[in-house]
Protein backbone atom coordinates (compact mmCIF):
# COMPACT_ATOMS: atom_id res chain seq x y z
CA MET A 1 166.41 80.73 -104.97
CA PRO A 2 168.66 77.89 -106.19
CA LEU A 3 167.47 74.37 -105.47
CA THR A 4 170.55 73.68 -103.39
CA ASP A 5 170.03 76.68 -101.11
CA ARG A 6 169.82 75.27 -97.59
CA ARG A 7 167.59 78.12 -96.43
CA MET A 8 164.65 76.67 -98.35
CA LEU A 9 164.96 73.34 -96.59
CA ASP A 10 165.41 74.96 -93.15
CA ALA A 11 162.32 77.09 -93.64
CA LEU A 12 160.24 74.09 -94.62
CA LEU A 13 161.52 71.98 -91.72
CA ALA A 14 160.61 74.81 -89.33
CA ALA A 15 157.08 74.78 -90.75
CA TYR A 16 156.74 70.98 -90.49
CA PRO A 17 158.88 69.85 -87.56
CA SER A 18 157.29 66.39 -87.43
CA GLY A 19 157.34 65.76 -91.16
CA SER A 20 159.86 65.04 -93.84
CA ILE A 21 160.94 67.50 -96.55
CA ALA A 22 162.59 66.74 -99.86
CA VAL A 23 163.54 68.85 -102.87
CA VAL A 24 164.00 67.10 -106.25
CA ASP A 25 165.29 68.43 -109.53
CA ARG A 26 163.81 67.87 -112.97
CA GLU A 27 165.66 64.56 -113.23
CA GLY A 28 163.98 63.24 -110.11
CA ARG A 29 167.14 63.34 -108.02
CA PHE A 30 167.03 64.52 -104.44
CA VAL A 31 168.79 67.87 -104.05
CA CYS A 32 168.28 68.12 -100.30
CA ALA A 33 166.20 66.29 -97.68
CA GLY A 34 165.57 66.16 -93.95
CA GLY A 35 163.03 65.60 -91.21
CA SER A 36 161.82 62.92 -88.79
CA ARG A 37 160.44 60.56 -91.43
CA LEU A 38 163.86 60.33 -93.04
CA ALA A 39 165.40 59.38 -89.72
CA GLN A 40 162.70 56.77 -89.14
CA ARG A 41 163.81 55.06 -92.35
CA GLY A 42 167.39 55.01 -91.05
CA LEU A 43 168.57 57.50 -93.67
CA THR A 44 170.51 60.75 -93.50
CA ALA A 45 170.58 63.62 -95.96
CA GLU A 46 173.94 62.39 -97.27
CA ASP A 47 172.36 58.98 -98.04
CA VAL A 48 169.62 60.60 -100.11
CA VAL A 49 171.13 63.57 -101.97
CA GLY A 50 171.93 62.82 -105.60
CA LYS A 51 169.85 59.66 -105.78
CA THR A 52 166.44 58.93 -107.27
CA ALA A 53 163.40 57.50 -105.53
CA VAL A 54 163.78 54.22 -107.44
CA GLU A 55 167.40 53.90 -106.27
CA LEU A 56 166.42 54.54 -102.64
CA PHE A 57 163.07 52.82 -102.24
CA GLY A 58 162.76 50.29 -105.06
CA GLU A 59 160.87 50.13 -108.32
CA ALA A 60 157.29 50.02 -106.98
CA LEU A 61 157.39 52.89 -104.50
CA GLY A 62 159.95 54.85 -106.53
CA SER A 63 157.77 54.77 -109.65
CA ARG A 64 154.79 56.10 -107.69
CA MET A 65 156.91 58.92 -106.30
CA ASN A 66 158.28 59.78 -109.75
CA ALA A 67 154.74 59.95 -111.12
CA GLY A 68 153.97 62.57 -108.51
CA TYR A 69 157.06 64.59 -109.43
CA GLU A 70 156.03 64.56 -113.08
CA ARG A 71 152.67 66.09 -112.19
CA CYS A 72 154.54 68.88 -110.39
CA PHE A 73 156.88 69.41 -113.36
CA ALA A 74 153.72 69.83 -115.43
CA GLY A 75 152.74 72.73 -113.16
CA GLU A 76 150.25 70.95 -110.84
CA ALA A 77 150.34 71.42 -107.08
CA TYR A 78 148.37 68.74 -105.28
CA VAL A 79 147.97 66.74 -102.04
CA ASP A 80 147.93 62.98 -101.98
CA GLN A 81 147.42 60.36 -99.28
CA GLN A 82 149.51 57.21 -99.22
CA SER A 83 149.47 54.04 -97.17
CA ILE A 84 152.89 52.48 -96.59
CA GLY A 85 153.41 49.54 -94.26
CA GLY A 86 150.25 50.17 -92.24
CA GLN A 87 151.00 53.89 -91.86
CA TYR A 88 149.16 56.75 -93.52
CA PHE A 89 150.87 59.83 -94.94
CA GLU A 90 149.68 63.08 -96.42
CA VAL A 91 152.06 64.14 -99.18
CA SER A 92 152.01 67.68 -100.56
CA HIS A 93 153.66 68.34 -103.97
CA SER A 94 154.49 71.87 -105.09
CA PRO A 95 156.50 72.94 -108.18
CA ILE A 96 159.53 75.20 -107.75
CA VAL A 97 159.68 78.03 -110.30
CA GLU A 98 162.80 80.06 -111.14
CA ASP A 99 162.77 82.75 -113.83
CA GLY A 100 159.42 81.54 -115.06
CA GLU A 101 160.51 77.93 -115.45
CA ILE A 102 159.77 74.89 -113.31
CA VAL A 103 163.13 73.66 -112.09
CA GLY A 104 162.06 71.12 -109.51
CA ALA A 105 159.56 70.18 -106.83
CA VAL A 106 159.28 70.32 -103.04
CA VAL A 107 157.62 67.38 -101.36
CA VAL A 108 156.30 67.59 -97.75
CA THR A 109 155.32 64.30 -96.10
CA VAL A 110 153.34 64.27 -92.82
CA ASP A 111 152.42 61.15 -90.86
CA ILE A 112 148.64 61.19 -90.39
CA SER A 113 148.37 57.64 -89.02
CA PRO A 114 146.90 58.69 -85.60
CA ALA A 115 144.29 60.94 -87.22
CA GLN A 116 143.49 58.30 -89.83
CA ALA A 117 143.14 55.63 -87.16
CA GLU A 118 140.81 57.87 -85.18
CA ARG A 119 138.81 58.60 -88.31
CA ALA A 120 138.58 54.90 -89.12
CA ARG A 121 137.52 54.13 -85.55
CA ARG A 122 134.74 56.70 -85.72
CA VAL A 123 133.57 55.48 -89.11
CA GLU A 124 133.47 51.93 -87.77
CA ALA A 125 131.59 53.06 -84.67
CA GLU A 126 129.11 55.01 -86.78
CA GLN A 127 128.58 52.01 -89.06
CA ARG A 128 128.05 49.72 -86.08
CA TYR A 129 125.64 52.20 -84.50
CA ALA A 130 123.79 52.56 -87.82
CA SER A 131 123.39 48.78 -88.11
CA LEU A 132 122.02 48.62 -84.58
CA VAL A 133 119.49 51.41 -85.03
CA SER A 134 118.20 50.20 -88.39
CA GLU A 135 115.93 47.65 -86.67
CA PHE A 136 115.10 49.84 -83.68
CA PRO A 137 111.28 50.07 -83.35
CA GLY A 138 111.41 53.80 -82.62
CA ALA A 139 113.62 56.49 -84.15
CA THR A 140 117.17 57.17 -83.09
CA TYR A 141 119.64 59.90 -83.98
CA LEU A 142 123.26 60.82 -83.39
CA PHE A 143 124.05 64.55 -83.19
CA ASP A 144 127.47 66.21 -83.22
CA SER A 145 128.39 69.28 -81.16
CA GLU A 146 127.23 71.55 -84.00
CA TYR A 147 123.71 70.05 -83.83
CA ARG A 148 124.07 68.18 -87.14
CA TYR A 149 122.52 64.77 -87.68
CA VAL A 150 125.36 62.26 -88.02
CA ILE A 151 123.17 59.16 -88.09
CA ALA A 152 119.42 58.72 -88.32
CA GLY A 153 117.56 55.44 -88.33
CA GLY A 154 114.90 53.24 -86.83
CA ARG A 155 111.67 51.79 -88.15
CA ALA A 156 109.62 54.76 -86.92
CA LEU A 157 111.66 57.23 -88.97
CA SER A 158 109.67 56.76 -92.17
CA GLY A 159 106.43 57.08 -90.20
CA LEU A 160 107.56 60.57 -89.20
CA GLY A 161 108.02 61.48 -92.85
CA PHE A 162 111.84 61.31 -92.94
CA ASP A 163 114.67 59.12 -94.12
CA ALA A 164 118.35 59.19 -93.23
CA ALA A 165 119.35 60.98 -96.46
CA MET A 166 117.04 63.89 -95.58
CA LEU A 167 118.65 64.39 -92.18
CA VAL A 168 122.35 63.44 -92.16
CA GLY A 169 124.61 66.46 -92.40
CA ARG A 170 121.80 68.93 -91.64
CA SER A 171 120.67 70.58 -88.42
CA PRO A 172 117.19 70.39 -86.82
CA ARG A 173 116.63 74.05 -87.75
CA GLU A 174 117.25 73.26 -91.42
CA VAL A 175 114.92 70.26 -91.35
CA LEU A 176 112.16 71.30 -88.93
CA GLY A 177 112.30 75.09 -88.86
CA ASP A 178 113.62 77.59 -86.34
CA ALA A 179 111.00 77.12 -83.60
CA VAL A 180 111.26 73.32 -83.29
CA GLY A 181 114.98 73.33 -84.13
CA GLU A 182 115.72 75.76 -81.31
CA ARG A 183 113.99 73.49 -78.80
CA ILE A 184 115.95 70.44 -80.01
CA GLU A 185 119.24 72.34 -79.90
CA GLY A 186 118.46 73.37 -76.33
CA TRP A 187 117.98 69.71 -75.37
CA ILE A 188 121.23 68.79 -77.15
CA ASP A 189 123.08 71.54 -75.24
CA ARG A 190 121.78 70.20 -71.95
CA ALA A 191 122.85 66.65 -72.87
CA LEU A 192 126.31 67.86 -73.95
CA GLY A 193 126.57 69.46 -70.50
CA GLY A 194 126.08 66.04 -68.92
CA GLU A 195 122.35 66.29 -68.10
CA PRO A 196 120.17 63.39 -69.31
CA VAL A 197 117.06 64.87 -70.96
CA GLN A 198 113.65 63.23 -71.30
CA VAL A 199 110.67 64.98 -72.93
CA ASP A 200 107.34 64.07 -74.50
CA VAL A 201 106.84 65.36 -78.04
CA ASP A 202 103.47 65.41 -79.82
CA GLN A 203 103.64 64.49 -83.50
CA GLY A 204 100.13 64.69 -84.87
CA ASP A 205 98.11 61.88 -83.28
CA GLN A 206 101.26 60.26 -81.89
CA VAL A 207 103.20 60.95 -78.70
CA PHE A 208 106.92 60.19 -78.55
CA GLU A 209 109.08 59.96 -75.48
CA VAL A 210 112.43 61.42 -76.56
CA ARG A 211 115.67 61.07 -74.60
CA PHE A 212 119.00 62.82 -75.16
CA VAL A 213 122.20 61.38 -73.66
CA ARG A 214 125.80 62.35 -74.29
CA VAL A 215 128.18 59.71 -75.62
CA PRO A 216 130.85 59.22 -72.90
CA GLU A 217 134.07 61.13 -73.65
CA GLU A 218 132.81 62.07 -77.13
CA PRO A 219 131.23 65.33 -78.42
CA TYR A 220 128.13 63.47 -79.59
CA VAL A 221 124.58 63.14 -78.30
CA VAL A 222 122.41 60.07 -78.83
CA SER A 223 118.69 60.73 -79.09
CA ILE A 224 116.07 57.97 -78.93
CA ALA A 225 112.40 58.54 -79.71
CA VAL A 226 109.89 55.87 -78.69
CA ASP A 227 106.21 55.88 -79.60
CA VAL A 228 104.37 55.99 -76.26
CA THR A 229 100.96 56.89 -77.65
CA ALA A 230 99.33 53.71 -76.33
CA ALA A 231 101.05 54.01 -72.94
CA ARG A 232 100.05 57.66 -72.53
CA SER A 233 96.49 56.84 -73.59
CA SER A 234 96.36 54.07 -71.01
CA GLN A 235 97.80 56.43 -68.40
CA ARG A 236 95.11 59.00 -69.16
CA ARG A 237 92.42 56.30 -68.81
CA VAL A 238 93.85 55.33 -65.42
CA GLU A 239 93.89 58.98 -64.34
CA ASP A 240 90.30 59.41 -65.52
CA ASP A 241 89.30 56.26 -63.61
CA LEU A 242 90.96 57.63 -60.48
CA LEU A 243 89.08 60.90 -60.86
CA ARG A 244 85.82 58.99 -61.20
CA GLN A 245 86.67 56.88 -58.15
CA GLU A 246 87.42 60.01 -56.13
CA ALA A 247 84.11 61.50 -57.21
CA LEU A 248 82.28 58.30 -56.19
CA LEU A 249 84.15 58.26 -52.89
CA ARG A 250 83.13 61.85 -52.17
CA GLU A 251 79.53 60.90 -52.95
CA VAL A 252 79.72 57.88 -50.60
CA HIS A 253 81.25 60.06 -47.90
CA HIS A 254 78.50 62.62 -48.32
CA ARG A 255 75.78 59.97 -48.03
CA VAL A 256 77.37 58.30 -44.99
CA LYS A 257 77.61 61.68 -43.29
CA ASN A 258 73.95 62.40 -44.02
CA HIS A 259 72.86 58.95 -42.80
CA LEU A 260 74.81 59.35 -39.56
CA GLN A 261 73.17 62.73 -38.99
CA VAL A 262 69.71 61.21 -39.58
CA VAL A 263 70.43 58.40 -37.10
CA GLN A 264 71.71 60.91 -34.52
CA SER A 265 68.56 62.97 -34.90
CA LEU A 266 66.35 59.91 -34.48
CA LEU A 267 68.25 58.90 -31.34
CA GLY A 268 67.89 62.42 -29.92
CA MET A 269 64.14 62.48 -30.62
CA THR A 270 63.72 59.04 -29.06
CA ALA A 271 65.75 60.04 -25.99
CA ARG A 272 63.45 63.00 -25.35
CA ARG A 273 60.37 60.77 -25.40
CA VAL A 274 61.44 57.84 -23.26
CA ARG A 275 60.55 57.96 -19.56
CA SER A 276 63.37 55.81 -18.24
CA GLU A 277 66.40 57.88 -17.25
CA ALA A 278 68.72 54.90 -17.80
CA ALA A 279 67.33 54.37 -21.29
CA ARG A 280 67.67 58.09 -22.06
CA ARG A 281 71.34 58.09 -20.97
CA SER A 282 72.02 55.01 -23.09
CA LEU A 283 70.45 56.57 -26.16
CA LEU A 284 72.37 59.83 -25.68
CA ASP A 285 75.56 57.83 -25.14
CA VAL A 286 75.04 56.01 -28.45
CA ARG A 287 74.28 59.32 -30.18
CA ALA A 288 77.52 60.81 -28.84
CA ARG A 289 79.50 57.90 -30.22
CA LEU A 290 77.81 58.19 -33.59
CA GLN A 291 78.77 61.84 -33.56
CA SER A 292 82.38 60.83 -32.82
CA MET A 293 82.31 58.36 -35.70
CA ALA A 294 80.99 61.10 -37.99
CA VAL A 295 83.86 63.38 -36.97
CA VAL A 296 86.43 60.64 -37.59
CA HIS A 297 84.83 59.82 -40.93
CA THR A 298 84.87 63.48 -42.01
CA GLU A 299 88.52 64.02 -41.10
CA LEU A 300 89.64 60.71 -42.57
CA TYR A 301 88.17 61.27 -46.00
CA ARG A 302 89.72 64.71 -46.29
CA GLN A 303 92.95 62.80 -46.89
CA PRO A 304 94.04 61.88 -50.47
CA ALA A 305 92.05 58.90 -51.77
CA ASP A 306 94.99 56.61 -52.61
CA GLY A 307 94.30 53.81 -50.13
CA THR A 308 96.78 55.08 -47.52
CA VAL A 309 96.70 57.87 -44.96
CA ARG A 310 99.34 59.97 -43.22
CA VAL A 311 97.87 59.05 -39.87
CA ASP A 312 99.90 61.65 -37.93
CA VAL A 313 98.37 64.44 -40.05
CA PHE A 314 94.92 62.86 -39.72
CA LEU A 315 95.14 62.54 -35.90
CA GLU A 316 96.48 66.08 -35.55
CA ARG A 317 93.44 67.48 -37.36
CA LEU A 318 91.14 65.22 -35.37
CA LEU A 319 92.66 66.45 -32.09
CA ALA A 320 92.17 70.06 -33.17
CA HIS A 321 88.47 69.31 -33.77
CA LEU A 322 88.10 67.59 -30.38
CA ARG A 323 89.78 70.45 -28.53
CA ARG A 324 87.37 72.90 -30.14
CA GLY A 325 84.34 70.72 -29.35
CA LEU A 326 85.23 69.82 -25.74
CA PRO A 327 85.86 72.93 -23.60
CA SER A 328 87.61 71.00 -20.84
CA VAL A 329 90.07 69.53 -23.37
CA GLY A 330 90.68 72.94 -24.90
CA ARG A 331 91.53 74.41 -21.49
CA ALA A 332 93.85 71.60 -20.37
CA ALA A 333 97.62 71.73 -20.67
CA PHE A 334 98.18 69.87 -23.90
CA GLU A 335 101.17 67.93 -25.25
CA CYS A 336 101.21 66.20 -28.62
CA SER A 337 103.94 64.12 -30.27
CA LEU A 338 102.96 62.27 -33.45
CA GLN A 339 105.58 60.33 -35.41
CA PRO A 340 105.09 60.51 -39.20
CA LEU A 341 103.42 57.29 -40.26
CA GLU A 342 101.53 56.11 -43.35
CA VAL A 343 98.92 53.40 -42.80
CA SER A 344 95.89 51.90 -44.53
CA ASN A 345 92.49 53.60 -44.31
CA ASP A 346 91.25 50.80 -42.05
CA VAL A 347 94.04 51.25 -39.48
CA ALA A 348 93.66 55.03 -39.60
CA LEU A 349 89.89 54.76 -39.02
CA HIS A 350 90.35 52.53 -35.97
CA LEU A 351 93.12 54.71 -34.52
CA GLY A 352 90.88 57.74 -35.00
CA LEU A 353 87.94 56.11 -33.23
CA VAL A 354 90.15 54.93 -30.36
CA LEU A 355 91.69 58.39 -29.95
CA THR A 356 88.27 60.07 -30.08
CA GLU A 357 86.87 57.71 -27.43
CA LEU A 358 89.80 58.17 -25.02
CA VAL A 359 89.99 61.95 -25.42
CA THR A 360 86.19 62.31 -25.15
CA ASN A 361 86.22 60.19 -21.99
CA ALA A 362 88.93 62.40 -20.49
CA GLY A 363 87.10 65.58 -21.52
CA GLU A 364 83.78 64.48 -20.01
CA HIS A 365 84.77 62.61 -16.86
CA VAL A 366 88.36 63.47 -15.85
CA LEU A 367 89.55 66.94 -16.82
CA PRO A 368 86.53 68.89 -15.44
CA ARG A 369 87.26 67.40 -11.97
CA SER A 370 91.04 67.90 -12.05
CA SER A 371 92.69 70.87 -10.33
CA THR A 372 95.54 70.81 -12.85
CA PRO A 373 94.00 69.33 -16.01
CA ARG A 374 96.46 68.05 -18.56
CA LEU A 375 96.37 65.80 -21.59
CA ARG A 376 99.19 64.17 -23.52
CA VAL A 377 98.86 62.30 -26.83
CA ALA A 378 101.73 60.43 -28.49
CA LEU A 379 101.97 58.22 -31.56
CA SER A 380 105.02 56.11 -32.38
CA VAL A 381 105.87 53.06 -34.47
CA ASP A 382 108.22 50.22 -33.66
CA GLY A 383 108.70 47.58 -36.33
CA GLY A 384 105.24 46.63 -37.53
CA VAL A 385 103.36 47.92 -34.49
CA ALA A 386 101.83 51.38 -33.97
CA LYS A 387 101.56 52.63 -30.38
CA LEU A 388 99.07 55.31 -29.33
CA VAL A 389 99.38 56.81 -25.82
CA VAL A 390 96.71 59.02 -24.21
CA GLU A 391 97.64 60.29 -20.74
CA ASP A 392 95.38 62.48 -18.60
CA SER A 393 95.41 63.82 -15.05
CA GLY A 394 92.81 61.38 -13.74
CA PRO A 395 93.18 58.47 -11.27
CA GLY A 396 92.90 55.78 -13.96
CA VAL A 397 90.56 52.81 -14.22
CA ASP A 398 90.65 49.07 -13.69
CA LEU A 399 90.15 47.65 -17.17
CA GLU A 400 89.05 44.27 -15.82
CA THR A 401 86.02 45.70 -14.04
CA ALA A 402 85.32 48.95 -15.85
CA GLY A 403 85.06 47.33 -19.25
CA GLU A 404 81.92 45.43 -18.28
CA ASP A 405 79.80 48.57 -17.87
CA SER A 406 81.66 51.04 -20.11
CA LEU A 407 80.54 51.16 -23.74
CA GLY A 408 83.53 53.37 -24.56
CA LEU A 409 86.15 50.95 -23.19
CA TRP A 410 84.38 48.03 -24.82
CA LEU A 411 84.56 49.87 -28.15
CA VAL A 412 88.27 50.68 -27.68
CA ARG A 413 89.07 47.08 -26.75
CA THR A 414 87.09 45.72 -29.74
CA LEU A 415 88.82 48.04 -32.20
CA THR A 416 92.22 47.18 -30.72
CA GLU A 417 91.69 43.43 -30.90
CA ALA A 418 90.63 43.71 -34.54
CA HIS A 419 94.27 44.56 -35.33
CA SER A 420 95.94 42.02 -33.02
CA GLY A 421 96.57 44.85 -30.56
CA THR A 422 96.55 45.44 -26.84
CA LEU A 423 95.01 47.96 -24.44
CA THR A 424 96.60 48.81 -21.07
CA CYS A 425 96.01 51.49 -18.45
CA GLU A 426 98.75 52.38 -15.97
CA HIS A 427 99.78 55.32 -13.84
CA GLY A 428 101.74 57.80 -15.92
CA PRO A 429 105.06 59.35 -14.87
CA ARG A 430 103.20 62.35 -13.40
CA GLY A 431 100.58 60.35 -11.56
CA GLY A 432 97.72 60.44 -14.09
CA ALA A 433 96.09 57.63 -16.04
CA CYS A 434 98.08 56.48 -19.08
CA PHE A 435 96.20 54.49 -21.71
CA THR A 436 98.42 52.64 -24.21
CA VAL A 437 96.98 51.08 -27.36
CA THR A 438 99.01 49.00 -29.81
CA LEU A 439 97.82 48.00 -33.26
CA SER A 440 99.50 45.63 -35.71
CA LEU A 441 100.29 47.21 -39.10
CA ASP A 442 100.57 43.79 -40.75
CA PRO A 443 97.38 43.40 -42.88
CA ALA A 444 97.72 39.61 -43.02
CA GLU A 445 97.89 39.32 -39.26
CA ALA A 446 94.92 41.64 -38.79
CA GLU A 447 92.88 39.71 -41.37
CA ALA A 448 93.64 36.40 -39.61
CA GLU A 449 92.56 37.88 -36.30
CA ALA A 450 89.29 39.13 -37.82
CA GLU A 451 88.56 35.72 -39.34
CA ALA A 452 89.24 34.00 -36.01
CA GLU A 453 86.81 36.35 -34.25
CA ALA A 454 84.17 35.74 -36.92
CA GLU A 455 84.48 31.97 -36.50
CA ALA A 456 84.21 32.34 -32.72
CA LEU A 457 80.97 34.25 -33.10
């Protein structure tokens, strides 16, 4: 096809619509030209045809372009990159052969400035990231979407038996084998999907906490490995200490339970031997309260030994035990409403003893004499105060006078005052007796109250 045939130029322009195309003869003169780059220079095909590169663009640039044409005339097809005025171009040179002879060259120029700028930005970002991770105490990596290491660094890297040159450009499967590599690729996939990943990885005697996070708006994943061997060892020691404490607590609980049973037995034996009926009733009354304390103690220490108790769960189990042990309570119409509440062991113990005393009192003295026995228990919390309500179907009592002779009410009042609380007894909405106990949940306030009582004594 002759050099001046327009069909050659049209075909090339169709293949590179955003580039510039030029055909030169063996003398370095433009035979035809066109494309967007030509227009950007303010030139038309008529301005270019018949002229040389030196004539159009000056000695410096023209000489470079002529050197490229000469390589084509020598039979070499090649691709070059040029920087002109802050722009980057990819220039393809191909010889044109007619009848076995090279008669000219076709030159295709494509503006690659955006791609080059993006490449330069990524290189700069990678260099900056590499400089940051070089002093990182752990190990850090940058993976691309094909699982290849792009960057590897950190002071812990050599301790793992690697250096950056061993990793960059390779995948975890190639470096660590299929089994470990497959696990790492799975974590990378999850991170690429937007899920932050955190795992513990054992490496000999060391434990590393490894995190995988996707780079925002980029198909890369950053992975950071930190040596947590000391932290995990400390955590295991704490867990072991907790297990030992729980074992000791169970042993203490077992011994307290046994001691309470021994004391109850001694009180029962003594009650059978005394001649005074009043003394016998007093001893049996004390034994009953020790039994109540044993029940509360047993239920309380079934809760997790972390210093706090879900008191609603604890009281619900305690009520179930009391209803089984007191027939009159089990037969009564029963309502229970316990608001979820977490309190200290001390508060839970006192609430349990108060509830046991009030329910036991109702079961022994009120419900057996009632034609329509009923019992309602409610627990609620308002601010820093817990409120326990026990309502039965009895006539109620006068706390001012009854407390003097009632060991049970004295115990309830003492436990209540230990937590800056109050005890009241009023007629309930259905005519029965309604006991209301409030306890402060503020440990500082309760401690101050206890100290004041101790000083008074």
